[in-house]
């Protein structure tokens, strides 16, 4: 059964999911972020079936998350590297990791990886940051409002939310 397409929806989350494709893609982005770019490494690290890996890498290249780079001429061998668009997904991976750590998504009782400040060694976490001041803002103060691309459905959705007292 083919999943429903989110193409054409005026929702950045739906659009991002449409481009990302599926859960394998995020695991590949994770490994590429860790510096693994060769096909065999990606396959071994994720356990992804060969046909699925080939299809996902093709998808990542087509959507400009990844580029193929030749590292050996004879025989020809390529590796995959994140583009700026792909690199920018680190926040998505970090958010999923933090959520998984908090709710013990693995069932192993403790996180396998922690993100720390390279200089101090102190733990780091994602935060909502005021774009002008750089100051972290608690999520309770965050509010959604219509953006420049909002349509009637967006206004209706946000007005409905406001009417529910949230």
N, C-alpha and C. Protein backbone atom coordinates (compact mmCIF):
# COMPACT_ATOMS: atom_id res chain seq x y z
N UNK A 1 0.84 -1.18 0.00
CA UNK A 1 0.00 0.00 0.00
C UNK A 1 0.89 1.24 0.00
N UNK A 2 0.70 2.09 -0.98
CA UNK A 2 1.50 3.32 -1.09
C UNK A 2 0.98 4.36 -0.10
N UNK A 3 1.93 4.99 0.65
CA UNK A 3 1.47 6.00 1.62
C UNK A 3 0.86 7.21 0.94
N UNK A 4 -0.03 7.88 1.65
CA UNK A 4 -0.66 9.10 1.14
C UNK A 4 0.39 10.16 0.90
N UNK A 5 0.26 10.86 -0.19
CA UNK A 5 1.17 11.96 -0.49
C UNK A 5 0.70 13.21 0.23
N UNK A 6 1.67 13.97 0.75
CA UNK A 6 1.37 15.25 1.39
C UNK A 6 1.63 16.41 0.44
N UNK A 7 1.99 16.11 -0.80
CA UNK A 7 2.28 17.16 -1.78
C UNK A 7 1.07 18.09 -1.91
N UNK A 8 1.33 19.38 -1.95
CA UNK A 8 0.28 20.36 -2.13
C UNK A 8 -0.33 20.87 -0.83
N UNK A 9 -0.01 20.24 0.30
CA UNK A 9 -0.54 20.74 1.58
C UNK A 9 0.25 21.98 1.99
N UNK A 10 -0.43 22.97 2.53
CA UNK A 10 0.24 24.20 3.01
C UNK A 10 0.66 24.00 4.45
N UNK A 11 1.57 23.06 4.63
CA UNK A 11 2.07 22.75 5.97
C UNK A 11 3.53 22.37 5.81
N UNK A 12 4.41 23.09 6.47
CA UNK A 12 5.84 22.82 6.35
C UNK A 12 6.20 21.44 6.89
N UNK A 13 5.49 20.97 7.91
CA UNK A 13 5.77 19.62 8.42
C UNK A 13 5.41 18.59 7.36
N UNK A 14 4.25 18.72 6.74
CA UNK A 14 3.83 17.79 5.69
C UNK A 14 4.80 17.85 4.51
N UNK A 15 5.21 19.05 4.12
CA UNK A 15 6.16 19.19 3.02
C UNK A 15 7.50 18.55 3.34
N UNK A 16 7.97 18.73 4.58
CA UNK A 16 9.24 18.12 4.99
C UNK A 16 9.13 16.60 4.98
N UNK A 17 8.01 16.07 5.49
CA UNK A 17 7.83 14.62 5.48
C UNK A 17 7.76 14.08 4.05
N UNK A 18 7.15 14.83 3.16
CA UNK A 18 7.07 14.42 1.75
C UNK A 18 8.47 14.33 1.16
N UNK A 19 9.33 15.30 1.47
CA UNK A 19 10.69 15.28 0.94
C UNK A 19 11.55 14.21 1.60
N UNK A 20 11.41 14.06 2.91
CA UNK A 20 12.23 13.07 3.63
C UNK A 20 11.86 11.67 3.19
N UNK A 21 10.59 11.38 3.09
CA UNK A 21 10.17 10.10 2.56
C UNK A 21 9.76 9.09 3.61
N UNK A 22 10.71 8.55 4.35
CA UNK A 22 10.36 7.53 5.34
C UNK A 22 11.41 7.46 6.44
N UNK A 23 11.23 6.54 7.36
CA UNK A 23 12.11 6.46 8.53
C UNK A 23 13.52 6.03 8.18
N UNK A 24 13.69 5.24 7.11
CA UNK A 24 15.05 4.86 6.70
C UNK A 24 15.87 6.10 6.37
N UNK A 25 15.22 7.07 5.77
CA UNK A 25 15.93 8.28 5.36
C UNK A 25 16.57 8.97 6.55
N UNK A 26 15.86 9.06 7.66
CA UNK A 26 16.42 9.73 8.84
C UNK A 26 17.58 8.94 9.43
N UNK A 27 17.53 7.61 9.37
CA UNK A 27 18.68 6.82 9.83
C UNK A 27 19.88 7.02 8.91
N UNK A 28 19.63 7.15 7.63
CA UNK A 28 20.74 7.42 6.70
C UNK A 28 21.33 8.80 6.95
N UNK A 29 20.46 9.79 7.19
CA UNK A 29 20.94 11.13 7.52
C UNK A 29 21.78 11.08 8.81
N UNK A 30 21.32 10.29 9.78
CA UNK A 30 22.09 10.13 11.03
C UNK A 30 23.49 9.62 10.74
N UNK A 31 23.60 8.55 9.95
CA UNK A 31 24.91 7.97 9.67
C UNK A 31 25.77 8.88 8.82
N UNK A 32 25.15 9.54 7.85
CA UNK A 32 25.90 10.51 7.04
C UNK A 32 26.43 11.64 7.91
N UNK A 33 25.64 12.06 8.90
CA UNK A 33 26.07 13.11 9.83
C UNK A 33 27.25 12.66 10.67
N UNK A 34 27.32 11.37 10.94
CA UNK A 34 28.42 10.81 11.71
C UNK A 34 29.67 10.57 10.87
N UNK A 35 29.57 10.83 9.55
CA UNK A 35 30.73 10.70 8.68
C UNK A 35 30.80 9.42 7.86
N UNK A 36 29.74 8.61 7.93
CA UNK A 36 29.70 7.39 7.12
C UNK A 36 29.06 7.73 5.78
N UNK A 37 29.80 7.59 4.70
CA UNK A 37 29.25 7.96 3.41
C UNK A 37 29.32 6.87 2.36
N UNK A 38 29.95 5.77 2.70
CA UNK A 38 30.08 4.68 1.73
C UNK A 38 28.92 3.70 1.87
N UNK A 39 28.49 3.19 0.74
CA UNK A 39 27.33 2.32 0.65
C UNK A 39 27.42 1.18 1.66
N UNK A 40 28.55 0.46 1.67
CA UNK A 40 28.69 -0.70 2.56
C UNK A 40 28.59 -0.30 4.03
N UNK A 41 29.14 0.85 4.40
CA UNK A 41 29.05 1.32 5.78
C UNK A 41 27.60 1.65 6.14
N UNK A 42 26.91 2.32 5.23
CA UNK A 42 25.51 2.69 5.48
C UNK A 42 24.66 1.43 5.64
N UNK A 43 24.92 0.46 4.80
CA UNK A 43 24.15 -0.79 4.87
C UNK A 43 24.44 -1.53 6.17
N UNK A 44 25.71 -1.62 6.54
CA UNK A 44 26.08 -2.35 7.76
C UNK A 44 25.54 -1.65 9.02
N UNK A 45 25.63 -0.32 9.05
CA UNK A 45 25.21 0.42 10.25
C UNK A 45 23.71 0.39 10.47
N UNK A 46 22.94 0.41 9.39
CA UNK A 46 21.48 0.51 9.53
C UNK A 46 20.77 -0.83 9.42
N UNK A 47 21.39 -1.80 8.74
CA UNK A 47 20.71 -3.07 8.50
C UNK A 47 19.65 -2.96 7.40
N UNK A 48 19.70 -1.90 6.63
CA UNK A 48 18.73 -1.65 5.57
C UNK A 48 18.95 -2.64 4.40
N UNK A 49 17.89 -3.19 3.84
CA UNK A 49 18.05 -4.06 2.67
C UNK A 49 18.69 -3.29 1.50
N UNK A 50 19.48 -3.99 0.70
CA UNK A 50 20.23 -3.35 -0.39
C UNK A 50 19.33 -2.57 -1.34
N UNK A 51 18.22 -3.15 -1.76
CA UNK A 51 17.34 -2.46 -2.71
C UNK A 51 16.74 -1.20 -2.08
N UNK A 52 16.40 -1.28 -0.80
CA UNK A 52 15.85 -0.12 -0.10
C UNK A 52 16.91 0.97 0.03
N UNK A 53 18.15 0.58 0.35
CA UNK A 53 19.23 1.55 0.47
C UNK A 53 19.47 2.26 -0.85
N UNK A 54 19.52 1.51 -1.94
CA UNK A 54 19.74 2.13 -3.25
C UNK A 54 18.62 3.12 -3.57
N UNK A 55 17.39 2.73 -3.30
CA UNK A 55 16.25 3.62 -3.58
C UNK A 55 16.29 4.87 -2.71
N UNK A 56 16.62 4.70 -1.41
CA UNK A 56 16.65 5.86 -0.52
C UNK A 56 17.80 6.81 -0.87
N UNK A 57 18.95 6.27 -1.24
CA UNK A 57 20.07 7.14 -1.63
C UNK A 57 19.73 7.91 -2.90
N UNK A 58 19.08 7.23 -3.85
CA UNK A 58 18.64 7.92 -5.07
C UNK A 58 17.68 9.05 -4.72
N UNK A 59 16.75 8.78 -3.82
CA UNK A 59 15.78 9.79 -3.36
C UNK A 59 16.50 10.97 -2.71
N UNK A 60 17.46 10.68 -1.84
CA UNK A 60 18.21 11.73 -1.15
C UNK A 60 18.99 12.60 -2.12
N UNK A 61 19.55 11.99 -3.16
CA UNK A 61 20.28 12.75 -4.18
C UNK A 61 19.30 13.61 -4.99
N UNK A 62 18.18 13.01 -5.40
CA UNK A 62 17.18 13.74 -6.20
C UNK A 62 16.62 14.95 -5.45
N UNK A 63 16.48 14.83 -4.14
CA UNK A 63 15.92 15.92 -3.33
C UNK A 63 17.00 16.81 -2.73
N UNK A 64 18.23 16.60 -3.16
CA UNK A 64 19.38 17.45 -2.83
C UNK A 64 19.72 17.48 -1.34
N UNK A 65 19.46 16.37 -0.64
CA UNK A 65 19.92 16.21 0.73
C UNK A 65 21.37 15.72 0.73
N UNK A 66 21.71 15.00 -0.34
CA UNK A 66 22.99 14.30 -0.44
C UNK A 66 23.54 14.47 -1.85
N UNK A 67 24.87 14.45 -1.95
CA UNK A 67 25.50 14.44 -3.26
C UNK A 67 26.43 13.23 -3.34
N UNK A 68 26.57 12.70 -4.56
CA UNK A 68 27.50 11.60 -4.80
C UNK A 68 28.85 12.21 -5.16
N UNK A 69 29.90 11.67 -4.55
CA UNK A 69 31.25 12.16 -4.78
C UNK A 69 32.15 10.97 -5.09
N UNK A 70 32.83 11.03 -6.20
CA UNK A 70 33.74 9.94 -6.59
C UNK A 70 34.98 9.98 -5.70
N UNK A 71 35.30 8.86 -5.07
CA UNK A 71 36.51 8.80 -4.26
C UNK A 71 37.54 7.83 -4.83
N UNK A 72 37.15 7.07 -5.87
CA UNK A 72 38.07 6.14 -6.51
C UNK A 72 37.70 6.03 -7.97
N UNK A 73 38.71 6.11 -8.83
CA UNK A 73 38.46 6.10 -10.27
C UNK A 73 38.40 4.68 -10.83
N UNK A 74 39.34 3.82 -10.44
CA UNK A 74 39.40 2.49 -11.02
C UNK A 74 39.49 1.43 -9.92
N UNK A 75 38.48 0.63 -9.70
CA UNK A 75 37.16 0.74 -10.30
C UNK A 75 36.43 1.95 -9.72
N UNK A 76 35.45 2.48 -10.46
CA UNK A 76 34.75 3.67 -9.98
C UNK A 76 33.98 3.40 -8.68
N UNK A 77 34.22 4.27 -7.70
CA UNK A 77 33.54 4.16 -6.41
C UNK A 77 33.11 5.56 -5.96
N UNK A 78 31.89 5.63 -5.49
CA UNK A 78 31.36 6.91 -5.01
C UNK A 78 31.01 6.79 -3.53
N UNK A 79 30.99 7.93 -2.87
CA UNK A 79 30.46 8.00 -1.52
C UNK A 79 29.42 9.11 -1.51
N UNK A 80 28.66 9.15 -0.44
CA UNK A 80 27.58 10.12 -0.31
C UNK A 80 27.94 11.11 0.78
N UNK A 81 27.68 12.38 0.50
CA UNK A 81 27.96 13.44 1.46
C UNK A 81 26.72 14.34 1.57
N UNK A 82 26.48 14.79 2.79
CA UNK A 82 25.36 15.68 3.01
C UNK A 82 25.61 17.04 2.36
N UNK A 83 24.58 17.58 1.75
CA UNK A 83 24.60 18.95 1.23
C UNK A 83 24.21 19.87 2.38
N UNK A 84 24.27 21.18 2.19
CA UNK A 84 23.77 22.08 3.25
C UNK A 84 22.33 21.77 3.66
N UNK A 85 21.50 21.40 2.70
CA UNK A 85 20.11 21.05 3.01
C UNK A 85 20.06 19.81 3.91
N UNK A 86 20.88 18.82 3.60
CA UNK A 86 20.93 17.61 4.42
C UNK A 86 21.52 17.87 5.79
N UNK A 87 22.57 18.66 5.84
CA UNK A 87 23.19 19.01 7.12
C UNK A 87 22.21 19.71 8.05
N UNK A 88 21.31 20.48 7.47
CA UNK A 88 20.35 21.24 8.27
C UNK A 88 19.33 20.35 8.97
N UNK A 89 19.28 19.06 8.61
CA UNK A 89 18.37 18.13 9.28
C UNK A 89 18.90 17.68 10.65
N UNK A 90 20.09 18.14 11.05
CA UNK A 90 20.64 17.72 12.34
C UNK A 90 19.68 18.06 13.48
N UNK A 91 18.95 19.16 13.34
CA UNK A 91 18.02 19.55 14.41
C UNK A 91 16.88 18.54 14.54
N UNK A 92 16.43 18.03 13.42
CA UNK A 92 15.36 17.03 13.43
C UNK A 92 15.86 15.77 14.14
N UNK A 93 17.05 15.31 13.78
CA UNK A 93 17.63 14.14 14.42
C UNK A 93 17.85 14.35 15.91
N UNK A 94 18.31 15.55 16.26
CA UNK A 94 18.55 15.86 17.68
C UNK A 94 17.23 15.87 18.45
N UNK A 95 16.19 16.45 17.87
CA UNK A 95 14.89 16.47 18.53
C UNK A 95 14.36 15.04 18.73
N UNK A 96 14.49 14.20 17.73
CA UNK A 96 14.03 12.81 17.86
C UNK A 96 14.86 12.06 18.91
N UNK A 97 16.18 12.28 18.92
CA UNK A 97 17.04 11.63 19.90
C UNK A 97 16.66 12.06 21.32
N UNK A 98 16.47 13.37 21.53
CA UNK A 98 16.11 13.86 22.86
C UNK A 98 14.76 13.29 23.32
N UNK A 99 13.80 13.25 22.42
CA UNK A 99 12.50 12.67 22.76
C UNK A 99 12.67 11.19 23.10
N UNK A 100 13.41 10.46 22.26
CA UNK A 100 13.64 9.04 22.52
C UNK A 100 14.36 8.78 23.83
N UNK A 101 15.33 9.65 24.16
CA UNK A 101 16.04 9.52 25.43
C UNK A 101 15.08 9.74 26.60
N UNK A 102 14.28 10.79 26.51
CA UNK A 102 13.38 11.14 27.61
C UNK A 102 12.36 10.04 27.88
N UNK A 103 11.86 9.45 26.81
CA UNK A 103 10.79 8.45 26.95
C UNK A 103 11.30 7.02 26.77
N UNK A 104 12.61 6.82 26.85
CA UNK A 104 13.25 5.50 26.74
C UNK A 104 12.68 4.71 25.56
N UNK A 105 12.72 5.34 24.39
CA UNK A 105 12.15 4.72 23.19
C UNK A 105 12.83 3.40 22.82
N UNK A 106 14.08 3.21 23.22
CA UNK A 106 14.78 1.96 22.89
C UNK A 106 14.43 0.84 23.87
N UNK A 107 14.00 1.21 25.07
CA UNK A 107 13.72 0.22 26.09
C UNK A 107 14.96 -0.27 26.83
N UNK A 108 16.12 0.34 26.57
CA UNK A 108 17.36 -0.08 27.22
C UNK A 108 17.65 0.69 28.50
N UNK A 109 16.82 1.69 28.83
CA UNK A 109 16.95 2.38 30.10
C UNK A 109 17.92 3.54 30.15
N UNK A 110 18.75 3.71 29.13
CA UNK A 110 19.71 4.82 29.13
C UNK A 110 20.10 5.15 27.70
N UNK A 111 20.37 6.42 27.44
CA UNK A 111 20.76 6.81 26.08
C UNK A 111 22.12 6.23 25.68
N UNK A 112 22.26 5.91 24.41
CA UNK A 112 23.54 5.40 23.92
C UNK A 112 24.47 6.53 23.46
N UNK A 113 23.91 7.69 23.18
CA UNK A 113 24.69 8.84 22.72
C UNK A 113 24.20 10.07 23.47
N UNK A 114 25.14 10.92 23.85
CA UNK A 114 24.79 12.20 24.47
C UNK A 114 25.45 13.31 23.68
N UNK A 115 24.79 14.46 23.61
CA UNK A 115 25.38 15.62 22.96
C UNK A 115 25.90 16.55 24.04
N UNK A 116 27.20 16.90 23.93
CA UNK A 116 27.83 17.77 24.93
C UNK A 116 28.58 18.89 24.24
N UNK A 117 28.86 19.94 24.99
CA UNK A 117 29.67 21.06 24.52
C UNK A 117 31.12 20.56 24.40
N UNK A 118 31.70 20.74 23.23
CA UNK A 118 33.06 20.28 22.97
C UNK A 118 34.07 20.90 23.94
N UNK A 119 33.84 22.13 24.36
CA UNK A 119 34.79 22.83 25.23
C UNK A 119 34.58 22.52 26.72
N UNK A 120 33.33 22.44 27.16
CA UNK A 120 33.06 22.26 28.59
C UNK A 120 32.67 20.84 28.97
N UNK A 121 32.19 20.07 27.99
CA UNK A 121 31.72 18.73 28.28
C UNK A 121 30.33 18.69 28.89
N UNK A 122 29.71 19.86 29.06
CA UNK A 122 28.36 19.91 29.65
C UNK A 122 27.31 19.48 28.62
N UNK A 123 26.25 18.83 29.09
CA UNK A 123 25.18 18.39 28.18
C UNK A 123 24.53 19.58 27.46
N UNK A 124 24.10 19.33 26.22
CA UNK A 124 23.39 20.32 25.41
C UNK A 124 22.01 19.79 25.09
N UNK A 125 21.07 20.72 24.88
CA UNK A 125 19.72 20.33 24.45
C UNK A 125 19.19 21.38 23.48
N UNK A 126 18.27 20.95 22.64
CA UNK A 126 17.63 21.88 21.72
C UNK A 126 16.77 22.86 22.50
N UNK A 127 16.64 24.05 21.96
CA UNK A 127 15.82 25.06 22.62
C UNK A 127 15.20 25.97 21.57
N UNK A 128 14.10 26.59 21.93
CA UNK A 128 13.53 27.67 21.13
C UNK A 128 14.29 28.93 21.51
N UNK A 129 14.81 29.62 20.51
CA UNK A 129 15.66 30.77 20.77
C UNK A 129 15.08 32.00 20.08
N UNK A 130 15.01 33.11 20.80
CA UNK A 130 14.58 34.37 20.23
C UNK A 130 15.55 34.73 19.10
N UNK A 131 15.03 34.91 17.90
CA UNK A 131 15.88 35.14 16.74
C UNK A 131 16.67 36.43 16.82
N UNK A 132 16.20 37.42 17.56
CA UNK A 132 16.92 38.70 17.67
C UNK A 132 17.93 38.71 18.81
N UNK A 133 17.55 38.14 19.96
CA UNK A 133 18.42 38.24 21.14
C UNK A 133 19.29 37.02 21.36
N UNK A 134 18.89 35.86 20.79
CA UNK A 134 19.62 34.63 21.04
C UNK A 134 19.31 33.99 22.38
N UNK A 135 18.33 34.51 23.09
CA UNK A 135 17.97 34.00 24.41
C UNK A 135 16.97 32.86 24.26
N UNK A 136 17.20 31.77 25.02
CA UNK A 136 16.28 30.63 25.01
C UNK A 136 14.95 31.04 25.65
N UNK A 137 13.86 30.61 25.03
CA UNK A 137 12.50 30.93 25.47
C UNK A 137 11.80 29.63 25.87
N UNK A 138 11.15 29.58 27.02
CA UNK A 138 10.43 28.35 27.40
C UNK A 138 9.29 28.07 26.43
N UNK A 139 9.03 26.78 26.19
CA UNK A 139 8.00 26.42 25.20
C UNK A 139 6.63 26.94 25.57
N UNK A 140 6.38 27.19 26.84
CA UNK A 140 5.08 27.72 27.26
C UNK A 140 4.80 29.09 26.65
N UNK A 141 5.85 29.83 26.30
CA UNK A 141 5.68 31.16 25.72
C UNK A 141 5.55 31.12 24.20
N UNK A 142 5.79 29.99 23.60
CA UNK A 142 5.72 29.88 22.14
C UNK A 142 4.27 29.96 21.68
N UNK A 143 4.04 30.67 20.59
CA UNK A 143 2.70 30.82 20.03
C UNK A 143 2.79 30.68 18.52
N UNK A 144 1.83 30.01 17.94
CA UNK A 144 1.76 29.90 16.48
C UNK A 144 0.90 31.03 15.94
N UNK A 145 1.30 31.59 14.81
CA UNK A 145 0.49 32.60 14.14
C UNK A 145 0.61 32.39 12.64
N UNK A 146 -0.34 32.89 11.87
CA UNK A 146 -0.28 32.71 10.42
C UNK A 146 0.99 33.35 9.85
N UNK A 147 1.61 32.64 8.94
CA UNK A 147 2.81 33.15 8.27
C UNK A 147 2.45 33.74 6.92
N UNK A 148 3.45 34.23 6.21
CA UNK A 148 3.19 34.88 4.92
C UNK A 148 2.57 33.96 3.87
N UNK A 149 2.74 32.65 4.03
CA UNK A 149 2.15 31.71 3.07
C UNK A 149 0.84 31.12 3.53
N UNK A 150 0.26 31.66 4.60
CA UNK A 150 -0.98 31.11 5.15
C UNK A 150 -2.15 31.27 4.18
N UNK A 151 -2.98 30.24 4.13
CA UNK A 151 -4.20 30.31 3.33
C UNK A 151 -5.40 30.27 4.28
N UNK A 152 -6.61 30.22 3.73
CA UNK A 152 -7.82 30.23 4.55
C UNK A 152 -7.85 29.04 5.52
N UNK A 153 -7.39 27.87 5.08
CA UNK A 153 -7.38 26.70 5.96
C UNK A 153 -6.45 26.91 7.15
N UNK A 154 -5.33 27.57 6.93
CA UNK A 154 -4.39 27.85 8.03
C UNK A 154 -5.03 28.79 9.04
N UNK A 155 -5.66 29.85 8.55
CA UNK A 155 -6.33 30.79 9.46
C UNK A 155 -7.44 30.07 10.24
N UNK A 156 -8.22 29.23 9.57
CA UNK A 156 -9.29 28.48 10.22
C UNK A 156 -8.71 27.58 11.30
N UNK A 157 -7.66 26.86 10.99
CA UNK A 157 -7.03 25.95 11.94
C UNK A 157 -6.54 26.69 13.18
N UNK A 158 -5.84 27.80 12.97
CA UNK A 158 -5.31 28.55 14.10
C UNK A 158 -6.42 29.24 14.90
N UNK A 159 -7.45 29.71 14.22
CA UNK A 159 -8.59 30.32 14.93
C UNK A 159 -9.34 29.27 15.75
N UNK A 160 -9.46 28.07 15.20
CA UNK A 160 -10.10 26.96 15.91
C UNK A 160 -9.33 26.64 17.18
N UNK A 161 -8.02 26.60 17.05
CA UNK A 161 -7.13 26.31 18.19
C UNK A 161 -7.30 27.39 19.27
N UNK A 162 -7.31 28.66 18.84
CA UNK A 162 -7.45 29.78 19.78
C UNK A 162 -8.81 29.72 20.47
N UNK A 163 -9.85 29.33 19.73
CA UNK A 163 -11.20 29.23 20.29
C UNK A 163 -11.32 28.12 21.31
N UNK A 164 -10.44 27.13 21.21
CA UNK A 164 -10.48 26.01 22.16
C UNK A 164 -9.76 26.37 23.46
N UNK A 165 -9.22 27.59 23.54
CA UNK A 165 -8.57 28.05 24.77
C UNK A 165 -7.18 27.51 24.97
N UNK A 166 -6.50 27.20 23.88
CA UNK A 166 -5.14 26.64 24.01
C UNK A 166 -4.11 27.72 23.79
